[in-house]
Every structure is written in structure tokens, then in C-alpha cells.
C-alpha atoms as a PDB file:
ATOM      1  CA  MET A   1       0.000   0.000   0.000  1.00  0.00           C
ATOM      2  CA  LYS A   2       1.153   3.495  -0.802  1.00  0.00           C
ATOM      3  CA  LYS A   3      -0.097   6.711   0.757  1.00  0.00           C
ATOM      4  CA  GLU A   4      -1.508   7.564  -2.671  1.00  0.00           C
ATOM      5  CA  ASP A   5      -3.854   4.553  -2.308  1.00  0.00           C
ATOM      6  CA  ILE A   6      -5.596   5.941   0.774  1.00  0.00           C
ATOM      7  CA  ASP A   7      -8.557   7.551  -1.018  1.00  0.00           C
ATOM      8  CA  GLN A   8      -9.393   4.270  -2.786  1.00  0.00           C
ATOM      9  CA  VAL A   9      -8.809   2.266   0.404  1.00  0.00           C
ATOM     10  CA  LEU A  10     -11.108   4.617   2.345  1.00  0.00           C
ATOM     11  CA  ALA A  11     -13.859   4.226  -0.261  1.00  0.00           C
ATOM     12  CA  ILE A  12     -13.724   0.436   0.165  1.00  0.00           C
ATOM     13  CA  GLU A  13     -13.480   0.773   3.957  1.00  0.00           C
ATOM     14  CA  GLN A  14     -16.555   2.997   4.180  1.00  0.00           C
ATOM     15  CA  THR A  15     -18.729   0.621   2.157  1.00  0.00           C
ATOM     16  CA  SER A  16     -17.457  -2.462   3.999  1.00  0.00           C
ATOM     17  CA  PHE A  17     -17.774  -1.595   7.681  1.00  0.00           C
ATOM     18  CA  THR A  18     -20.260   0.061  10.023  1.00  0.00           C
ATOM     19  CA  MET A  19     -17.348   1.559  11.990  1.00  0.00           C
ATOM     20  CA  PRO A  20     -14.797   2.360   9.254  1.00  0.00           C
ATOM     21  CA  TRP A  21     -11.231   3.341   9.991  1.00  0.00           C
ATOM     22  CA  SER A  22     -10.414   7.024   9.495  1.00  0.00           C
ATOM     23  CA  ARG A  23      -7.847   8.459   7.102  1.00  0.00           C
ATOM     24  CA  ASN A  24      -5.640   9.294  10.097  1.00  0.00           C
ATOM     25  CA  LEU A  25      -5.792   5.738  11.392  1.00  0.00           C
ATOM     26  CA  PHE A  26      -4.595   4.358   8.050  1.00  0.00           C
ATOM     27  CA  LEU A  27      -1.919   7.030   7.794  1.00  0.00           C
ATOM     28  CA  SER A  28      -0.709   6.254  11.328  1.00  0.00           C
ATOM     29  CA  GLU A  29       0.092   2.707  10.182  1.00  0.00           C
ATOM     30  CA  PHE A  30       2.687   4.119   7.779  1.00  0.00           C
ATOM     31  CA  ARG A  31       4.561   5.597  10.773  1.00  0.00           C
ATOM     32  CA  SER A  32       5.414   2.163  12.190  1.00  0.00           C
ATOM     33  CA  PRO A  33       7.091   0.314   9.309  1.00  0.00           C
ATOM     34  CA  SER A  34       8.794  -2.138  11.679  1.00  0.00           C
ATOM     35  CA  VAL A  35       5.392  -3.284  12.982  1.00  0.00           C
ATOM     36  CA  SER A  36       2.746  -2.455  10.364  1.00  0.00           C
ATOM     37  CA  MET A  37       2.276  -4.320   7.103  1.00  0.00           C
ATOM     38  CA  LEU A  38      -0.081  -2.710   4.596  1.00  0.00           C
ATOM     39  CA  MET A  39      -0.822  -4.453   1.307  1.00  0.00           C
ATOM     40  CA  VAL A  40      -3.256  -3.854  -1.549  1.00  0.00           C
ATOM     41  CA  ALA A  41      -4.612  -5.897  -4.421  1.00  0.00           C
ATOM     42  CA  THR A  42      -4.845  -3.937  -7.642  1.00  0.00           C
ATOM     43  CA  GLY A  43      -7.044  -4.414 -10.677  1.00  0.00           C
ATOM     44  CA  ASP A  44      -6.007  -4.629 -14.305  1.00  0.00           C
ATOM     45  CA  ALA A  45      -6.798  -1.001 -15.177  1.00  0.00           C
ATOM     46  CA  PRO A  46      -4.098   1.121 -16.815  1.00  0.00           C
ATOM     47  CA  VAL A  47      -4.260   3.418 -13.771  1.00  0.00           C
ATOM     48  CA  ARG A  48      -3.539   1.868 -10.346  1.00  0.00           C
ATOM     49  CA  SER A  49      -6.906   0.664  -9.071  1.00  0.00           C
ATOM     50  CA  VAL A  50      -7.164  -0.744  -5.534  1.00  0.00           C
ATOM     51  CA  VAL A  51      -9.690  -3.585  -5.263  1.00  0.00           C
ATOM     52  CA  GLY A  52      -8.790  -4.818  -1.767  1.00  0.00           C
ATOM     53  CA  TYR A  53      -6.399  -4.355   1.128  1.00  0.00           C
ATOM     54  CA  ILE A  54      -5.087  -5.908   4.312  1.00  0.00           C
ATOM     55  CA  VAL A  55      -3.471  -4.319   7.374  1.00  0.00           C
ATOM     56  CA  CYS A  56      -1.467  -6.434   9.830  1.00  0.00           C
ATOM     57  CA  TRP A  57       0.834  -5.932  12.772  1.00  0.00           C
ATOM     58  CA  LEU A  58       3.901  -8.057  13.246  1.00  0.00           C
ATOM     59  CA  VAL A  59       4.870  -8.183  16.908  1.00  0.00           C
ATOM     60  CA  ALA A  60       7.591 -10.601  17.994  1.00  0.00           C
ATOM     61  CA  ASP A  61       6.654 -13.862  16.267  1.00  0.00           C
ATOM     62  CA  GLU A  62       2.920 -13.119  15.897  1.00  0.00           C
ATOM     63  CA  VAL A  63       1.023 -11.527  13.050  1.00  0.00           C
ATOM     64  CA  HIS A  64      -2.271  -9.857  13.951  1.00  0.00           C
ATOM     65  CA  ILE A  65      -4.660  -9.235  11.060  1.00  0.00           C
ATOM     66  CA  LEU A  66      -6.330  -5.935  11.860  1.00  0.00           C
ATOM     67  CA  ASN A  67      -8.279  -5.070   8.745  1.00  0.00           C
ATOM     68  CA  LEU A  68      -9.192  -6.793   5.490  1.00  0.00           C
ATOM     69  CA  ALA A  69     -11.673  -5.712   2.833  1.00  0.00           C
ATOM     70  CA  VAL A  70     -12.377  -6.222  -0.846  1.00  0.00           C
ATOM     71  CA  ASP A  71     -14.445  -3.855  -2.987  1.00  0.00           C
ATOM     72  CA  ARG A  72     -17.955  -5.265  -3.543  1.00  0.00           C
ATOM     73  CA  PRO A  73     -17.657  -5.947  -7.319  1.00  0.00           C
ATOM     74  CA  TYR A  74     -14.500  -8.011  -6.687  1.00  0.00           C
ATOM     75  CA  ARG A  75     -15.741 -10.170  -3.814  1.00  0.00           C
ATOM     76  CA  ARG A  76     -15.838 -13.976  -4.056  1.00  0.00           C
ATOM     77  CA  LEU A  77     -12.986 -13.992  -6.578  1.00  0.00           C
ATOM     78  CA  GLY A  78     -10.280 -15.173  -4.161  1.00  0.00           C
ATOM     79  CA  ILE A  79      -8.794 -11.708  -3.592  1.00  0.00           C
ATOM     80  CA  ALA A  80      -9.223 -11.770   0.196  1.00  0.00           C
ATOM     81  CA  LYS A  81      -7.619 -15.208   0.367  1.00  0.00           C
ATOM     82  CA  SER A  82      -4.718 -14.015  -1.789  1.00  0.00           C
ATOM     83  CA  LEU A  83      -4.222 -10.973   0.435  1.00  0.00           C
ATOM     84  CA  VAL A  84      -4.214 -13.079   3.610  1.00  0.00           C
ATOM     85  CA  LEU A  85      -1.760 -15.581   2.116  1.00  0.00           C
ATOM     86  CA  ALA A  86       0.543 -12.820   0.847  1.00  0.00           C
ATOM     87  CA  ALA A  87       0.510 -11.114   4.245  1.00  0.00           C
ATOM     88  CA  LEU A  88       1.189 -14.372   6.096  1.00  0.00           C
ATOM     89  CA  LYS A  89       4.066 -15.212   3.740  1.00  0.00           C
ATOM     90  CA  ARG A  90       5.621 -11.784   4.246  1.00  0.00           C
ATOM     91  CA  ALA A  91       5.156 -12.055   8.011  1.00  0.00           C
ATOM     92  CA  HIS A  92       6.739 -15.521   7.958  1.00  0.00           C
ATOM     93  CA  GLN A  93       9.767 -14.087   6.134  1.00  0.00           C
ATOM     94  CA  LYS A  94      10.028 -11.574   8.978  1.00  0.00           C
ATOM     95  CA  GLY A  95       9.865 -14.270  11.663  1.00  0.00           C
ATOM     96  CA  ALA A  96       6.154 -14.808  12.351  1.00  0.00           C
ATOM     97  CA  LYS A  97       5.179 -18.264  13.563  1.00  0.00           C
ATOM     98  CA  CYS A  98       1.476 -17.796  14.269  1.00  0.00           C
ATOM     99  CA  ALA A  99      -1.402 -15.464  13.448  1.00  0.00           C
ATOM    100  CA  PHE A 100      -4.596 -14.240  15.032  1.00  0.00           C
ATOM    101  CA  LEU A 101      -7.504 -11.885  14.372  1.00  0.00           C
ATOM    102  CA  GLU A 102     -10.929 -10.854  15.598  1.00  0.00           C
ATOM    103  CA  VAL A 103     -14.016 -11.221  13.426  1.00  0.00           C
ATOM    104  CA  ARG A 104     -17.646 -10.265  14.030  1.00  0.00           C
ATOM    105  CA  SER A 105     -19.609 -13.275  15.230  1.00  0.00           C
ATOM    106  CA  SER A 106     -22.169 -12.663  12.455  1.00  0.00           C
ATOM    107  CA  ASN A 107     -19.604 -12.400   9.637  1.00  0.00           C
ATOM    108  CA  THR A 108     -20.140 -15.842   8.167  1.00  0.00           C
ATOM    109  CA  ALA A 109     -18.166 -15.194   4.974  1.00  0.00           C
ATOM    110  CA  ALA A 110     -15.059 -13.998   6.837  1.00  0.00           C
ATOM    111  CA  LYS A 111     -15.235 -16.859   9.343  1.00  0.00           C
ATOM    112  CA  LYS A 112     -15.429 -19.344   6.465  1.00  0.00           C
ATOM    113  CA  LEU A 113     -12.456 -17.740   4.696  1.00  0.00           C
ATOM    114  CA  TYR A 114     -10.315 -17.942   7.818  1.00  0.00           C
ATOM    115  CA  SER A 115     -11.499 -21.461   8.700  1.00  0.00           C
ATOM    116  CA  ASP A 116     -10.686 -22.629   5.172  1.00  0.00           C
ATOM    117  CA  LEU A 117      -7.162 -21.278   5.702  1.00  0.00           C
ATOM    118  CA  GLY A 118      -6.771 -23.233   8.950  1.00  0.00           C
ATOM    119  CA  PHE A 119      -7.685 -20.609  11.560  1.00  0.00           C
ATOM    120  CA  THR A 120      -9.703 -21.903  14.503  1.00  0.00           C
ATOM    121  CA  GLY A 121     -11.941 -20.069  16.940  1.00  0.00           C
ATOM    122  CA  THR A 122     -10.151 -19.868  20.259  1.00  0.00           C
ATOM    123  CA  SER A 123     -12.138 -17.404  22.358  1.00  0.00           C
ATOM    124  CA  VAL A 124     -14.858 -14.759  22.318  1.00  0.00           C
ATOM    125  CA  ARG A 125     -14.474 -11.074  23.150  1.00  0.00           C
ATOM    126  CA  ARG A 126     -17.870  -9.978  24.479  1.00  0.00           C
ATOM    127  CA  ASP A 127     -19.314  -6.738  23.056  1.00  0.00           C
ATOM    128  CA  TYR A 128     -16.073  -6.079  21.157  1.00  0.00           C
ATOM    129  CA  TYR A 129     -17.735  -4.267  18.252  1.00  0.00           C
ATOM    130  CA  ASP A 130     -20.024  -1.235  18.187  1.00  0.00           C
ATOM    131  CA  GLU A 131     -22.734  -0.251  15.695  1.00  0.00           C
ATOM    132  CA  PRO A 132     -24.144  -2.788  16.251  1.00  0.00           C
ATOM    133  CA  THR A 133     -22.783  -4.115  19.515  1.00  0.00           C
ATOM    134  CA  GLU A 134     -21.552  -7.600  18.838  1.00  0.00           C
ATOM    135  CA  ASP A 135     -19.121 -10.202  20.094  1.00  0.00           C
ATOM    136  CA  ALA A 136     -15.873 -10.931  18.294  1.00  0.00           C
ATOM    137  CA  LEU A 137     -14.620 -14.422  17.662  1.00  0.00           C
ATOM    138  CA  VAL A 138     -10.860 -14.606  18.152  1.00  0.00           C
ATOM    139  CA  MET A 139      -9.393 -16.884  15.512  1.00  0.00           C
ATOM    140  CA  THR A 140      -5.877 -18.279  15.672  1.00  0.00           C
ATOM    141  CA  LEU A 141      -3.549 -19.949  13.233  1.00  0.00           C
ATOM    142  CA  GLY A 142      -1.149 -21.873  15.445  1.00  0.00           C
ATOM    143  CA  GLU A 143       2.493 -22.545  14.683  1.00  0.00           C
ATOM    144  CA  GLY A 144       2.017 -25.942  13.003  1.00  0.00           C
ATOM    145  CA  ALA A 145      -0.931 -24.787  10.880  1.00  0.00           C
ATOM    146  CA  PHE A 146       0.902 -21.547  10.037  1.00  0.00           C
ATOM    147  CA  GLU A 147       3.963 -23.454   8.785  1.00  0.00           C
ATOM    148  CA  SER A 148       1.806 -25.882   6.829  1.00  0.00           C
ATOM    149  CA  LEU A 149      -0.200 -23.109   5.176  1.00  0.00           C
ATOM    150  CA  ILE A 150       2.932 -21.188   4.159  1.00  0.00           C
ATOM    151  CA  ARG A 151       4.594 -24.324   2.842  1.00  0.00           C
ATOM    152  CA  ASP A 152       1.557 -25.446   0.817  1.00  0.00           C
ATOM    153  CA  ALA A 153       0.538 -22.021  -0.522  1.00  0.00           C
END
């Protein structure tokens, strides 16, 4: 992701979430290059066209997926899966051995994506999300599953 992508990323963010990240929140991620990983998927247009993005933190040997979205016309084409795999591979190159994330309990599509990649539900964070208030399912990709996924991808 480049700072020049922010307007396109924000447009996707605002149509994807009830509590979208702000411009400043995305820009703050650029200030921590040793921790933050920001990646985009681009379309085939002659001008750079962002169709999806992922934001992760790499802390010690853990990667935490913070934000993932794909523009509506490009959903169900494997872009989210490709973004997750690319982020996990990059994190692995930087020393990550496991991954985790939070997902809305009602987000069936996201839970299926992560489950298909080997993530398992490990705990629930009560009332984690606002608008509407909802629990988050914490999903984890443990060390063995992480290594297997990276090796097989």
C-alpha cells in the first residue's frame, strides 16, 4: 500500500464496515514500518486501481490481522484469500510463527475464509464491536498450521 492509495482504500473501507477506519488511522500505520504491514490488491486497469487491502501488525513472532476488505464488485474472486496468504508469507519471512484476528460473530463469509485457511476459533471477546454491539470471535492460526499453510501455498 502506498499513501496515494488511501482515497481508494477509504472508499472500500466505508462501504465495507459500520465503523470504518479514518484516514488518520490508516496514515498512522505508515509511521510504524517495523510493525505495520499494509498491502493492496490492484485491478487490471491502466491506472492503479485498488480492489482490496489488508493491514497487519507483526509483533515478535505473531502476526495480527487488523483489517481486510475487498471492494464489492470483486468479492468472491479469491482476492481476500490471496491478500491473507501474501501477508502471512511476508510475516513468515520476517519471523512470524502464528497469526490471530478478531471477526464479528455474524460475519459468516469472513469466518469461512479464515477457517478454510486453517484458523480456529479460540475465544470470544464480548461486546467487542459497536454499531451494532456484537461479540468478536478470536481466531488463531497456530504454529504448526501456520507453517503448513505457508509451505503449501
